[in-house]
Amino acid sequence: MGVADTSVRIREIHLSEVREMRQTHRRAWLETYPNDEYGVSLAWVGDVTDAWLTPESLAQWRGYLGEAMTDPNQYSRVADLDGRIVGLLHALREPEGRVELRSIYVDPSCFGQGVGPALFEAFEAWAGPAAIWLGVAVYNHRAIKFYQRRGFAIVPGSQRCPSGVIPMIDMAREPTP
């Protein structure tokens, strides 16, 4: 898997940093999701992610993250590189013990700098040996390969389109001994 860059620090987010985190999230979406072949326009992605930066949306996210900080079944972290938020991850442990990796995003300016692996290693330490599943855009080959290198497989027949725009597939990893 490789060793994550030690200058990347994985930590809890401070609620005052929600805007910076959402800007990082937005940049990752703008880089990752526009896709002419699947009819996902840059304009659509821009409209979706612009809404993330409204005062109402930021307040809602402060609430989500405040709850996640006190819930042992949720794991939310950011990647900090030289005092700048360059990645984020959120996961949820379901009642039966399976873990859903809900999001992991890296600022495009930091691709290849160990941010994704650092976030994932910290996440794995929290998740322990649990089964893990996630959804990923069918055309996000960088992410699919990232997860396959970490033991995930595509779940056959799992393609869906929950947003009505971005087609998704599920990937899963069985519990580790």
Protein backbone atom coordinates (compact mmCIF):
# COMPACT_ATOMS: atom_id res chain seq x y z
CA MET A 1 0.00 0.00 0.00
CA GLY A 2 2.88 2.37 0.61
CA VAL A 3 3.54 4.58 3.56
CA ALA A 4 1.60 7.81 3.88
CA ASP A 5 3.51 11.09 3.81
CA THR A 6 4.39 11.85 7.44
CA SER A 7 3.93 15.58 6.90
CA VAL A 8 0.19 14.96 6.40
CA ARG A 9 -1.55 15.20 9.76
CA ILE A 10 -4.93 13.51 10.23
CA ARG A 11 -7.05 15.21 12.86
CA GLU A 12 -10.54 16.18 13.94
CA ILE A 13 -11.97 19.24 12.30
CA HIS A 14 -12.66 22.39 14.28
CA LEU A 15 -16.15 23.66 13.60
CA SER A 16 -14.67 27.02 12.61
CA GLU A 17 -12.99 25.20 9.68
CA VAL A 18 -16.15 23.85 8.06
CA ARG A 19 -16.00 26.39 5.22
CA GLU A 20 -12.39 25.44 4.40
CA MET A 21 -13.29 21.73 4.52
CA ARG A 22 -16.27 22.25 2.19
CA GLN A 23 -14.09 24.26 -0.21
CA THR A 24 -11.66 21.34 -0.36
CA HIS A 25 -14.62 18.99 -0.90
CA ARG A 26 -15.89 21.27 -3.68
CA ARG A 27 -12.51 21.35 -5.47
CA ALA A 28 -12.37 17.55 -5.35
CA TRP A 29 -15.86 17.25 -6.85
CA LEU A 30 -15.08 19.78 -9.60
CA GLU A 31 -12.01 17.75 -10.55
CA THR A 32 -13.57 14.29 -10.20
CA TYR A 33 -17.18 14.28 -11.32
CA PRO A 34 -17.68 16.21 -14.58
CA ASN A 35 -17.85 13.56 -17.28
CA ASP A 36 -19.20 14.11 -20.80
CA GLU A 37 -19.60 10.37 -21.47
CA TYR A 38 -22.01 10.02 -18.54
CA GLY A 39 -23.69 13.41 -19.05
CA VAL A 40 -22.33 14.94 -15.84
CA SER A 41 -21.65 18.55 -16.74
CA LEU A 42 -19.23 20.90 -15.05
CA ALA A 43 -22.15 23.32 -14.70
CA TRP A 44 -24.20 20.75 -12.77
CA VAL A 45 -21.28 19.90 -10.47
CA GLY A 46 -20.65 23.62 -9.95
CA ASP A 47 -24.29 24.26 -9.07
CA VAL A 48 -24.33 21.39 -6.56
CA THR A 49 -21.10 22.41 -4.90
CA ASP A 50 -21.80 26.16 -4.90
CA ALA A 51 -24.76 25.38 -2.64
CA TRP A 52 -22.37 23.81 -0.12
CA LEU A 53 -20.90 27.22 0.67
CA THR A 54 -24.12 29.02 1.61
CA PRO A 55 -24.48 30.11 5.24
CA GLU A 56 -27.36 27.65 5.68
CA SER A 57 -25.41 24.70 4.31
CA LEU A 58 -22.33 25.56 6.39
CA ALA A 59 -24.47 25.77 9.54
CA GLN A 60 -26.02 22.39 8.71
CA TRP A 61 -22.54 20.88 8.30
CA ARG A 62 -21.39 22.34 11.62
CA GLY A 63 -24.32 20.46 13.15
CA TYR A 64 -23.45 17.20 11.37
CA LEU A 65 -19.82 17.40 12.40
CA GLY A 66 -20.64 18.45 15.96
CA GLU A 67 -22.75 15.30 16.25
CA ALA A 68 -20.07 13.14 14.64
CA MET A 69 -17.49 14.36 17.15
CA THR A 70 -19.50 12.95 20.04
CA ASP A 71 -20.80 9.76 18.40
CA PRO A 72 -18.38 6.82 18.71
CA ASN A 73 -20.06 5.20 15.69
CA GLN A 74 -19.02 8.06 13.40
CA TYR A 75 -15.53 8.91 12.25
CA SER A 76 -14.85 12.29 10.65
CA ARG A 77 -11.35 13.54 10.03
CA VAL A 78 -9.51 16.02 7.88
CA ALA A 79 -6.04 15.87 6.42
CA ASP A 80 -3.90 18.87 7.28
CA LEU A 81 -0.81 19.66 5.23
CA ASP A 82 1.18 22.69 6.34
CA GLY A 83 -1.82 24.13 8.17
CA ARG A 84 -4.21 23.71 5.22
CA ILE A 85 -7.13 21.25 4.99
CA VAL A 86 -6.35 19.10 1.95
CA GLY A 87 -8.57 16.08 2.52
CA LEU A 88 -11.59 14.79 4.40
CA LEU A 89 -13.14 11.49 5.36
CA HIS A 90 -16.41 10.45 7.00
CA ALA A 91 -17.52 6.95 8.00
CA LEU A 92 -20.34 5.40 9.96
CA ARG A 93 -20.43 2.13 11.90
CA GLU A 94 -23.82 0.50 11.34
CA PRO A 95 -25.65 -1.27 14.21
CA GLU A 96 -24.61 -4.74 12.96
CA GLY A 97 -20.95 -3.63 12.93
CA ARG A 98 -20.38 -3.12 9.22
CA VAL A 99 -18.72 0.22 8.38
CA GLU A 100 -19.82 2.50 5.56
CA LEU A 101 -17.10 4.77 4.20
CA ARG A 102 -19.33 7.66 3.21
CA SER A 103 -16.72 10.01 1.80
CA ILE A 104 -13.03 10.43 1.25
CA TYR A 105 -11.87 13.38 -0.82
CA VAL A 106 -8.47 14.90 -1.49
CA ASP A 107 -7.77 18.37 -2.82
CA PRO A 108 -6.67 17.88 -6.44
CA SER A 109 -3.55 19.97 -5.80
CA CYS A 110 -2.43 17.21 -3.42
CA PHE A 111 -3.04 14.10 -5.54
CA GLY A 112 -0.04 11.81 -5.26
CA GLN A 113 1.24 13.38 -2.02
CA GLY A 114 0.09 10.68 0.41
CA VAL A 115 -3.07 12.43 1.59
CA GLY A 116 -5.51 9.68 0.57
CA PRO A 117 -3.39 6.88 2.04
CA ALA A 118 -2.92 8.83 5.29
CA LEU A 119 -6.68 9.36 5.63
CA PHE A 120 -7.36 5.71 4.83
CA GLU A 121 -4.77 4.38 7.29
CA ALA A 122 -6.29 6.46 10.11
CA PHE A 123 -9.76 5.28 9.09
CA GLU A 124 -8.68 1.62 9.11
CA ALA A 125 -7.31 2.02 12.64
CA TRP A 126 -10.76 3.25 13.74
CA ALA A 127 -12.74 0.68 11.69
CA GLY A 128 -10.70 -2.28 12.92
CA PRO A 129 -11.44 -5.65 11.31
CA ALA A 130 -15.04 -4.78 10.34
CA ALA A 131 -16.51 -5.36 6.90
CA ILE A 132 -16.42 -2.07 4.97
CA TRP A 133 -18.50 -0.89 2.05
CA LEU A 134 -18.70 2.29 0.02
CA GLY A 135 -20.19 3.78 -3.10
CA VAL A 136 -18.04 5.20 -5.89
CA ALA A 137 -18.79 6.79 -9.27
CA VAL A 138 -18.53 4.14 -11.98
CA TYR A 139 -16.10 6.34 -13.90
CA ASN A 140 -13.89 7.37 -10.96
CA HIS A 141 -11.12 4.99 -11.97
CA ARG A 142 -8.55 6.63 -9.67
CA ALA A 143 -10.74 5.89 -6.62
CA ILE A 144 -11.69 2.39 -7.78
CA LYS A 145 -8.01 1.47 -8.15
CA PHE A 146 -7.23 3.07 -4.76
CA TYR A 147 -9.84 0.84 -3.09
CA GLN A 148 -8.87 -2.28 -5.04
CA ARG A 149 -5.28 -1.88 -3.80
CA ARG A 150 -6.75 -1.97 -0.30
CA GLY A 151 -8.66 -5.22 -0.79
CA PHE A 152 -12.04 -3.91 -1.99
CA ALA A 153 -14.00 -5.54 -4.80
CA ILE A 154 -16.85 -4.20 -6.91
CA VAL A 155 -20.18 -5.64 -5.80
CA PRO A 156 -21.78 -7.24 -8.89
CA GLY A 157 -25.16 -5.76 -9.84
CA SER A 158 -24.76 -2.78 -7.53
CA GLN A 159 -24.91 0.03 -10.10
CA ARG A 160 -27.40 2.73 -9.18
CA CYS A 161 -27.88 6.45 -9.67
CA PRO A 162 -29.03 7.98 -6.36
CA SER A 163 -28.40 11.58 -7.45
CA GLY A 164 -30.15 11.00 -10.75
CA VAL A 165 -26.93 12.15 -12.44
CA ILE A 166 -23.77 10.35 -11.21
CA PRO A 167 -23.91 6.55 -11.68
CA MET A 168 -22.50 4.71 -8.67
CA ILE A 169 -21.34 1.19 -7.85
CA ASP A 170 -20.72 -0.38 -4.47
CA MET A 171 -17.39 -1.77 -3.37
CA ALA A 172 -16.89 -3.96 -0.33
CA ARG A 173 -14.16 -5.54 1.74
CA GLU A 174 -14.81 -8.51 3.95
CA PRO A 175 -13.85 -8.39 7.62
CA THR A 176 -10.13 -8.79 8.20
CA PRO A 177 -8.84 -11.38 10.68
